[in-house]
Amino acid sequence: MRNLPEIRDAKPSDAKAMIAYQKRIYENAQHMVTAVDEFGVGVWRQRFWIARKATSKLERCLVATHDGHIVAMLDSWTDRRRRVAHSTSFAMSVAEGWRCKGLGKKLLSHFIVWVQKHPTLERIELHVHADNTHAIELYTQLGFTLEGTRKNAVRYEDGRIVDDHIMALWPGKLNKAI
């Protein structure tokens, strides 16, 4: 049995490894909106982006690392306008060999605990393709509920069109021991 990945905040020194990870994800994961040819971030821009996340009180960039490689990532962002600043959104990915093994649950649970402890964030929102059954199952297990659907919002390269579900969680209503 291999040792479990470490979950931690991303550091600017992760920039090169993060770019490589994101390119692999965009090449192999069908449930991402970004295609690999649309991703063109350089190392310095990535370092700046990570540094900005690291100093933000409203956003996080978490990575799971194993043997020095990034194997999962969660990136959150928050609109700073007062009327919606209580709600944060995130995107998450898990590398191919690590999917359906509990890593996504561990990573997302780590983020949920952070939001539970946060002084102003109260709600977590996500978008998920309607055909991403594994992700929907994970989100449901952790207490997320379907709030709406954007019909025919995503068109895959093979011509299929799928709905985009909007799910949300109010972590303050959960048991604090995730």
Protein backbone atom coordinates (compact mmCIF):
# COMPACT_ATOMS: atom_id res chain seq x y z
CA MET A 1 0.00 0.00 0.00
CA ARG A 2 1.43 3.36 -0.95
CA ASN A 3 1.59 6.18 1.56
CA LEU A 4 -1.16 8.79 1.36
CA PRO A 5 -0.52 12.15 -0.30
CA GLU A 6 0.13 15.21 1.85
CA ILE A 7 -2.42 18.03 1.54
CA ARG A 8 -1.03 21.53 1.92
CA ASP A 9 -1.29 25.05 0.59
CA ALA A 10 0.44 25.59 -2.73
CA LYS A 11 3.72 27.52 -2.62
CA PRO A 12 5.24 29.68 -5.37
CA SER A 13 7.99 27.08 -5.70
CA ASP A 14 5.27 24.63 -6.88
CA ALA A 15 4.68 26.67 -10.05
CA LYS A 16 6.52 24.45 -12.51
CA ALA A 17 5.08 21.23 -11.06
CA MET A 18 1.60 22.77 -10.98
CA ILE A 19 1.77 23.73 -14.64
CA ALA A 20 2.83 20.19 -15.56
CA TYR A 21 0.02 18.77 -13.42
CA GLN A 22 -2.61 21.06 -14.96
CA LYS A 23 -1.49 20.18 -18.49
CA ARG A 24 -1.85 16.46 -17.68
CA ILE A 25 -5.30 17.07 -16.23
CA TYR A 26 -6.46 19.11 -19.23
CA GLU A 27 -5.14 16.44 -21.61
CA ASN A 28 -6.83 13.51 -19.85
CA ALA A 29 -9.89 14.70 -17.93
CA GLN A 30 -13.08 15.03 -19.91
CA HIS A 31 -14.91 16.95 -17.21
CA MET A 32 -12.82 20.11 -17.30
CA VAL A 33 -13.95 23.23 -19.12
CA THR A 34 -10.42 24.22 -20.15
CA ALA A 35 -8.80 22.31 -22.99
CA VAL A 36 -5.04 21.74 -22.94
CA ASP A 37 -4.46 24.05 -25.93
CA GLU A 38 -6.26 26.85 -24.06
CA PHE A 39 -3.90 26.65 -21.08
CA GLY A 40 -0.81 28.77 -21.65
CA VAL A 41 0.39 29.92 -18.25
CA GLY A 42 4.12 30.44 -17.79
CA VAL A 43 6.12 29.78 -14.63
CA TRP A 44 6.38 33.41 -13.49
CA ARG A 45 2.68 34.05 -13.97
CA GLN A 46 1.88 30.84 -12.09
CA ARG A 47 4.23 31.85 -9.25
CA PHE A 48 2.48 35.20 -8.99
CA TRP A 49 -0.95 33.53 -9.01
CA ILE A 50 0.06 31.11 -6.22
CA ALA A 51 1.59 33.93 -4.16
CA ARG A 52 -1.62 35.95 -4.49
CA LYS A 53 -3.67 32.97 -3.31
CA ALA A 54 -1.28 32.39 -0.40
CA THR A 55 -1.78 35.93 0.89
CA SER A 56 -5.54 36.06 0.37
CA LYS A 57 -7.83 35.70 3.36
CA LEU A 58 -10.72 34.64 1.10
CA GLU A 59 -9.09 32.15 -1.27
CA ARG A 60 -7.02 28.98 -1.15
CA CYS A 61 -5.03 26.84 -3.49
CA LEU A 62 -4.49 23.39 -2.02
CA VAL A 63 -2.37 20.65 -3.51
CA ALA A 64 -1.98 17.00 -2.64
CA THR A 65 1.57 15.79 -3.19
CA HIS A 66 3.01 12.30 -3.35
CA ASP A 67 6.72 11.57 -3.80
CA GLY A 68 7.27 15.21 -4.78
CA HIS A 69 4.56 15.25 -7.47
CA ILE A 70 1.22 17.09 -7.41
CA VAL A 71 -1.54 14.50 -7.65
CA ALA A 72 -4.58 16.65 -6.82
CA MET A 73 -5.46 20.31 -6.60
CA LEU A 74 -8.26 22.50 -5.26
CA ASP A 75 -8.49 26.18 -6.14
CA SER A 76 -11.03 28.51 -4.56
CA TRP A 77 -12.07 32.06 -5.36
CA THR A 78 -14.43 34.53 -3.74
CA ASP A 79 -16.22 37.51 -5.21
CA ARG A 80 -15.39 40.45 -2.94
CA ARG A 81 -18.61 42.38 -3.55
CA ARG A 82 -20.42 42.67 -0.18
CA ARG A 83 -23.68 41.03 -1.21
CA VAL A 84 -22.01 37.80 -2.34
CA ALA A 85 -18.76 37.80 -0.32
CA HIS A 86 -20.14 35.14 2.05
CA SER A 87 -20.00 32.56 -0.76
CA THR A 88 -16.86 30.96 -2.17
CA SER A 89 -16.45 28.74 -5.23
CA PHE A 90 -13.90 26.09 -6.08
CA ALA A 91 -12.60 23.82 -8.80
CA MET A 92 -10.91 20.53 -8.02
CA SER A 93 -9.06 17.83 -9.92
CA VAL A 94 -7.43 14.53 -9.08
CA ALA A 95 -4.76 12.83 -11.21
CA GLU A 96 -5.80 9.75 -13.14
CA GLY A 97 -4.14 7.11 -10.95
CA TRP A 98 -5.58 8.63 -7.77
CA ARG A 99 -9.26 8.93 -8.67
CA CYS A 100 -11.94 7.06 -6.70
CA LYS A 101 -9.49 6.26 -3.87
CA GLY A 102 -10.59 8.83 -1.28
CA LEU A 103 -8.11 11.57 -2.17
CA GLY A 104 -10.77 13.91 -3.56
CA LYS A 105 -12.84 13.46 -0.41
CA LYS A 106 -9.80 14.16 1.78
CA LEU A 107 -8.88 17.26 -0.21
CA LEU A 108 -12.41 18.68 -0.27
CA SER A 109 -12.96 17.88 3.42
CA HIS A 110 -9.79 19.86 4.21
CA PHE A 111 -11.25 22.83 2.34
CA ILE A 112 -14.67 22.50 4.00
CA VAL A 113 -13.07 22.60 7.45
CA TRP A 114 -11.21 25.78 6.47
CA VAL A 115 -14.49 27.40 5.37
CA GLN A 116 -16.21 26.27 8.60
CA LYS A 117 -13.55 28.10 10.61
CA HIS A 118 -13.55 31.18 8.36
CA PRO A 119 -14.98 34.35 9.95
CA THR A 120 -16.99 35.51 6.90
CA LEU A 121 -17.41 32.63 4.45
CA GLU A 122 -20.68 30.72 4.91
CA ARG A 123 -21.41 28.97 1.61
CA ILE A 124 -19.42 26.88 -0.88
CA GLU A 125 -20.55 26.66 -4.50
CA LEU A 126 -19.37 24.47 -7.35
CA HIS A 127 -20.17 23.65 -10.96
CA VAL A 128 -20.14 20.04 -12.10
CA HIS A 129 -20.93 18.48 -15.47
CA ALA A 130 -24.13 16.43 -15.21
CA ASP A 131 -22.36 13.32 -16.58
CA ASN A 132 -19.58 13.45 -13.94
CA THR A 133 -21.27 10.89 -11.71
CA HIS A 134 -18.24 10.17 -9.48
CA ALA A 135 -17.85 13.86 -8.61
CA ILE A 136 -21.59 14.32 -8.00
CA GLU A 137 -21.54 11.30 -5.69
CA LEU A 138 -18.60 12.74 -3.74
CA TYR A 139 -20.20 16.17 -3.41
CA THR A 140 -23.49 14.64 -2.28
CA GLN A 141 -21.70 12.48 0.32
CA LEU A 142 -20.14 15.62 1.77
CA GLY A 143 -23.49 17.41 2.02
CA PHE A 144 -23.66 19.48 -1.18
CA THR A 145 -27.12 19.86 -2.68
CA LEU A 146 -28.24 20.66 -6.20
CA GLU A 147 -29.35 24.29 -6.46
CA GLY A 148 -29.76 24.67 -10.19
CA THR A 149 -28.90 23.47 -13.65
CA ARG A 150 -27.59 25.34 -16.66
CA LYS A 151 -29.14 23.38 -19.50
CA ASN A 152 -26.88 22.32 -22.38
CA ALA A 153 -24.07 24.49 -21.03
CA VAL A 154 -21.09 22.32 -22.00
CA ARG A 155 -20.28 21.01 -25.48
CA TYR A 156 -17.64 18.29 -25.71
CA GLU A 157 -15.35 17.93 -28.70
CA ASP A 158 -17.27 14.82 -29.84
CA GLY A 159 -20.46 16.91 -30.14
CA ARG A 160 -22.19 15.78 -26.95
CA ILE A 161 -23.84 18.54 -24.96
CA VAL A 162 -24.35 18.19 -21.22
CA ASP A 163 -25.93 20.19 -18.45
CA ASP A 164 -23.88 22.02 -15.83
CA HIS A 165 -25.16 21.51 -12.27
CA ILE A 166 -24.68 24.13 -9.60
CA MET A 167 -24.32 22.57 -6.17
CA ALA A 168 -23.77 24.27 -2.83
CA LEU A 169 -22.98 23.56 0.79
CA TRP A 170 -23.54 25.67 3.89
CA PRO A 171 -20.74 24.18 6.04
CA GLY A 172 -21.82 25.96 9.23
CA LYS A 173 -24.83 23.65 9.28
CA LEU A 174 -22.65 20.53 9.22
CA ASN A 175 -21.19 18.59 12.08
CA LYS A 176 -17.85 20.31 12.74
CA ALA A 177 -16.05 16.93 12.62
CA ILE A 178 -15.76 16.18 8.91
